[in-house]
Amino acid sequence: MRTPGPLVLDALVWVVFAALFVGAALLVKVAAVLLVVLVVLALLLGLVLRMLRNRRARRTRPRDGTAR
């Protein structure tokens, strides 16, 4: 049996390198998208908590307008 020529091995190395490079680029894009999603969810959670706090503060105030 003959071993593959140096050009075949060279081409195989380049294909593996390209596959790893594309995979790494996709992982970076997925990480960026996940970071954006987490930031949006954190902002929404902050807005919801602020709304709930304001709604609760309105309910506990006295109705006659006197300060405690």
N, C-alpha and C. Protein backbone atom coordinates (compact mmCIF):
# COMPACT_ATOMS: atom_id res chain seq x y z
N MET A 1 0.84 -1.19 0.00
CA MET A 1 0.00 0.00 0.00
C MET A 1 0.88 1.25 0.00
N ARG A 2 0.45 2.21 -0.76
CA ARG A 2 1.19 3.47 -0.81
C ARG A 2 0.56 4.47 0.15
N THR A 3 1.37 5.28 0.73
CA THR A 3 0.85 6.34 1.61
C THR A 3 0.37 7.49 0.74
N PRO A 4 -0.59 8.26 1.24
CA PRO A 4 -1.07 9.41 0.45
C PRO A 4 0.04 10.42 0.24
N GLY A 5 -0.04 11.08 -0.85
CA GLY A 5 0.98 12.08 -1.18
C GLY A 5 0.92 13.28 -0.27
N PRO A 6 1.97 14.06 -0.30
CA PRO A 6 2.01 15.26 0.56
C PRO A 6 0.92 16.27 0.21
N LEU A 7 0.48 16.32 -1.02
CA LEU A 7 -0.59 17.25 -1.37
C LEU A 7 -1.91 16.84 -0.74
N VAL A 8 -2.18 15.55 -0.66
CA VAL A 8 -3.41 15.07 -0.05
C VAL A 8 -3.40 15.39 1.44
N LEU A 9 -2.26 15.13 2.09
CA LEU A 9 -2.17 15.44 3.52
C LEU A 9 -2.27 16.94 3.76
N ASP A 10 -1.67 17.72 2.88
CA ASP A 10 -1.75 19.18 3.00
C ASP A 10 -3.19 19.65 2.85
N ALA A 11 -3.90 19.10 1.88
CA ALA A 11 -5.30 19.47 1.69
C ALA A 11 -6.14 19.05 2.89
N LEU A 12 -5.86 17.89 3.46
CA LEU A 12 -6.60 17.43 4.63
C LEU A 12 -6.38 18.35 5.82
N VAL A 13 -5.15 18.80 6.00
CA VAL A 13 -4.84 19.73 7.09
C VAL A 13 -5.61 21.04 6.90
N TRP A 14 -5.66 21.54 5.67
CA TRP A 14 -6.38 22.78 5.42
C TRP A 14 -7.89 22.62 5.64
N VAL A 15 -8.44 21.48 5.27
CA VAL A 15 -9.87 21.24 5.48
C VAL A 15 -10.18 21.19 6.98
N VAL A 16 -9.32 20.50 7.74
CA VAL A 16 -9.54 20.43 9.19
C VAL A 16 -9.42 21.83 9.80
N PHE A 17 -8.41 22.59 9.35
CA PHE A 17 -8.24 23.95 9.86
C PHE A 17 -9.46 24.81 9.54
N ALA A 18 -9.97 24.72 8.33
CA ALA A 18 -11.15 25.51 7.95
C ALA A 18 -12.36 25.11 8.77
N ALA A 19 -12.53 23.81 9.01
CA ALA A 19 -13.67 23.35 9.81
C ALA A 19 -13.56 23.87 11.24
N LEU A 20 -12.37 23.82 11.81
CA LEU A 20 -12.19 24.34 13.17
C LEU A 20 -12.41 25.84 13.22
N PHE A 21 -11.93 26.55 12.21
CA PHE A 21 -12.09 28.00 12.16
C PHE A 21 -13.57 28.39 12.06
N VAL A 22 -14.30 27.71 11.20
CA VAL A 22 -15.73 28.00 11.05
C VAL A 22 -16.47 27.64 12.33
N GLY A 23 -16.12 26.52 12.94
CA GLY A 23 -16.75 26.14 14.20
C GLY A 23 -16.50 27.15 15.30
N ALA A 24 -15.28 27.66 15.38
CA ALA A 24 -14.97 28.67 16.40
C ALA A 24 -15.74 29.96 16.13
N ALA A 25 -15.85 30.34 14.86
CA ALA A 25 -16.60 31.56 14.52
C ALA A 25 -18.08 31.39 14.90
N LEU A 26 -18.63 30.22 14.65
CA LEU A 26 -20.03 29.99 15.02
C LEU A 26 -20.21 30.01 16.53
N LEU A 27 -19.25 29.46 17.27
CA LEU A 27 -19.34 29.50 18.73
C LEU A 27 -19.30 30.93 19.25
N VAL A 28 -18.47 31.76 18.64
CA VAL A 28 -18.40 33.16 19.06
C VAL A 28 -19.73 33.86 18.78
N LYS A 29 -20.33 33.57 17.63
CA LYS A 29 -21.62 34.19 17.31
C LYS A 29 -22.71 33.73 18.28
N VAL A 30 -22.72 32.46 18.60
CA VAL A 30 -23.70 31.94 19.56
C VAL A 30 -23.51 32.57 20.93
N ALA A 31 -22.25 32.72 21.34
CA ALA A 31 -21.97 33.35 22.63
C ALA A 31 -22.44 34.81 22.64
N ALA A 32 -22.24 35.51 21.54
CA ALA A 32 -22.68 36.91 21.46
C ALA A 32 -24.20 37.00 21.52
N VAL A 33 -24.89 36.12 20.83
CA VAL A 33 -26.35 36.12 20.85
C VAL A 33 -26.85 35.81 22.26
N LEU A 34 -26.24 34.83 22.92
CA LEU A 34 -26.65 34.50 24.29
C LEU A 34 -26.41 35.68 25.23
N LEU A 35 -25.32 36.40 25.05
CA LEU A 35 -25.06 37.56 25.89
C LEU A 35 -26.12 38.63 25.68
N VAL A 36 -26.51 38.88 24.43
CA VAL A 36 -27.55 39.87 24.15
C VAL A 36 -28.87 39.44 24.77
N VAL A 37 -29.21 38.16 24.66
CA VAL A 37 -30.45 37.65 25.24
C VAL A 37 -30.44 37.82 26.75
N LEU A 38 -29.32 37.52 27.40
CA LEU A 38 -29.24 37.67 28.85
C LEU A 38 -29.37 39.13 29.27
N VAL A 39 -28.78 40.05 28.52
CA VAL A 39 -28.89 41.47 28.84
C VAL A 39 -30.33 41.93 28.70
N VAL A 40 -31.01 41.50 27.63
CA VAL A 40 -32.42 41.89 27.43
C VAL A 40 -33.28 41.33 28.55
N LEU A 41 -33.05 40.07 28.93
CA LEU A 41 -33.83 39.48 30.01
C LEU A 41 -33.58 40.20 31.33
N ALA A 42 -32.35 40.61 31.59
CA ALA A 42 -32.05 41.35 32.82
C ALA A 42 -32.75 42.70 32.82
N LEU A 43 -32.77 43.37 31.68
CA LEU A 43 -33.48 44.66 31.61
C LEU A 43 -34.97 44.48 31.83
N LEU A 44 -35.54 43.44 31.20
CA LEU A 44 -36.97 43.20 31.39
C LEU A 44 -37.29 42.85 32.84
N LEU A 45 -36.43 42.06 33.47
CA LEU A 45 -36.65 41.73 34.89
C LEU A 45 -36.59 42.98 35.75
N GLY A 46 -35.64 43.87 35.45
CA GLY A 46 -35.57 45.13 36.21
C GLY A 46 -36.82 45.97 36.03
N LEU A 47 -37.34 46.03 34.81
CA LEU A 47 -38.56 46.81 34.58
C LEU A 47 -39.76 46.20 35.30
N VAL A 48 -39.87 44.88 35.28
CA VAL A 48 -40.99 44.22 35.95
C VAL A 48 -40.90 44.44 37.46
N LEU A 49 -39.70 44.30 38.01
CA LEU A 49 -39.56 44.51 39.45
C LEU A 49 -39.85 45.96 39.84
N ARG A 50 -39.47 46.91 38.99
CA ARG A 50 -39.77 48.31 39.28
C ARG A 50 -41.27 48.55 39.24
N MET A 51 -41.95 47.95 38.25
CA MET A 51 -43.41 48.10 38.18
C MET A 51 -44.09 47.50 39.40
N LEU A 52 -43.64 46.32 39.81
CA LEU A 52 -44.24 45.69 40.98
C LEU A 52 -43.99 46.51 42.24
N ARG A 53 -42.79 47.07 42.37
CA ARG A 53 -42.49 47.88 43.55
C ARG A 53 -43.35 49.13 43.57
N ASN A 54 -43.52 49.77 42.41
CA ASN A 54 -44.35 50.98 42.36
C ASN A 54 -45.82 50.64 42.62
N ARG A 55 -46.28 49.53 42.13
CA ARG A 55 -47.67 49.13 42.34
C ARG A 55 -47.92 48.82 43.83
N ARG A 56 -46.96 48.16 44.46
CA ARG A 56 -47.10 47.84 45.88
C ARG A 56 -47.04 49.11 46.73
N ALA A 57 -46.19 50.07 46.35
CA ALA A 57 -46.08 51.32 47.11
C ALA A 57 -47.37 52.13 47.00
N ARG A 58 -48.05 52.08 45.89
CA ARG A 58 -49.31 52.81 45.74
C ARG A 58 -50.40 52.22 46.62
N ARG A 59 -50.41 50.91 46.79
CA ARG A 59 -51.45 50.27 47.59
C ARG A 59 -51.30 50.54 49.08
N THR A 60 -50.06 50.71 49.56
CA THR A 60 -49.86 50.85 51.00
C THR A 60 -49.98 52.28 51.49
N ARG A 61 -50.13 53.25 50.59
CA ARG A 61 -50.28 54.62 51.04
C ARG A 61 -51.66 54.83 51.67
N PRO A 62 -51.72 55.69 52.67
CA PRO A 62 -53.04 55.99 53.26
C PRO A 62 -53.91 56.74 52.27
N ARG A 63 -55.20 56.49 52.33
CA ARG A 63 -56.12 57.09 51.36
C ARG A 63 -56.53 58.52 51.69
N ASP A 64 -56.33 58.94 52.95
CA ASP A 64 -56.76 60.29 53.32
C ASP A 64 -55.70 61.35 53.04
N GLY A 65 -54.51 60.95 52.55
CA GLY A 65 -53.50 61.90 52.15
C GLY A 65 -52.60 62.34 53.28
N THR A 66 -52.73 61.81 54.49
CA THR A 66 -51.85 62.21 55.58
C THR A 66 -50.57 61.40 55.53
N ALA A 67 -49.48 62.06 55.88
CA ALA A 67 -48.19 61.37 55.86
C ALA A 67 -48.01 60.62 57.18
N ARG A 68 -47.27 59.54 57.11
CA ARG A 68 -47.03 58.76 58.33
C ARG A 68 -45.82 59.28 59.08
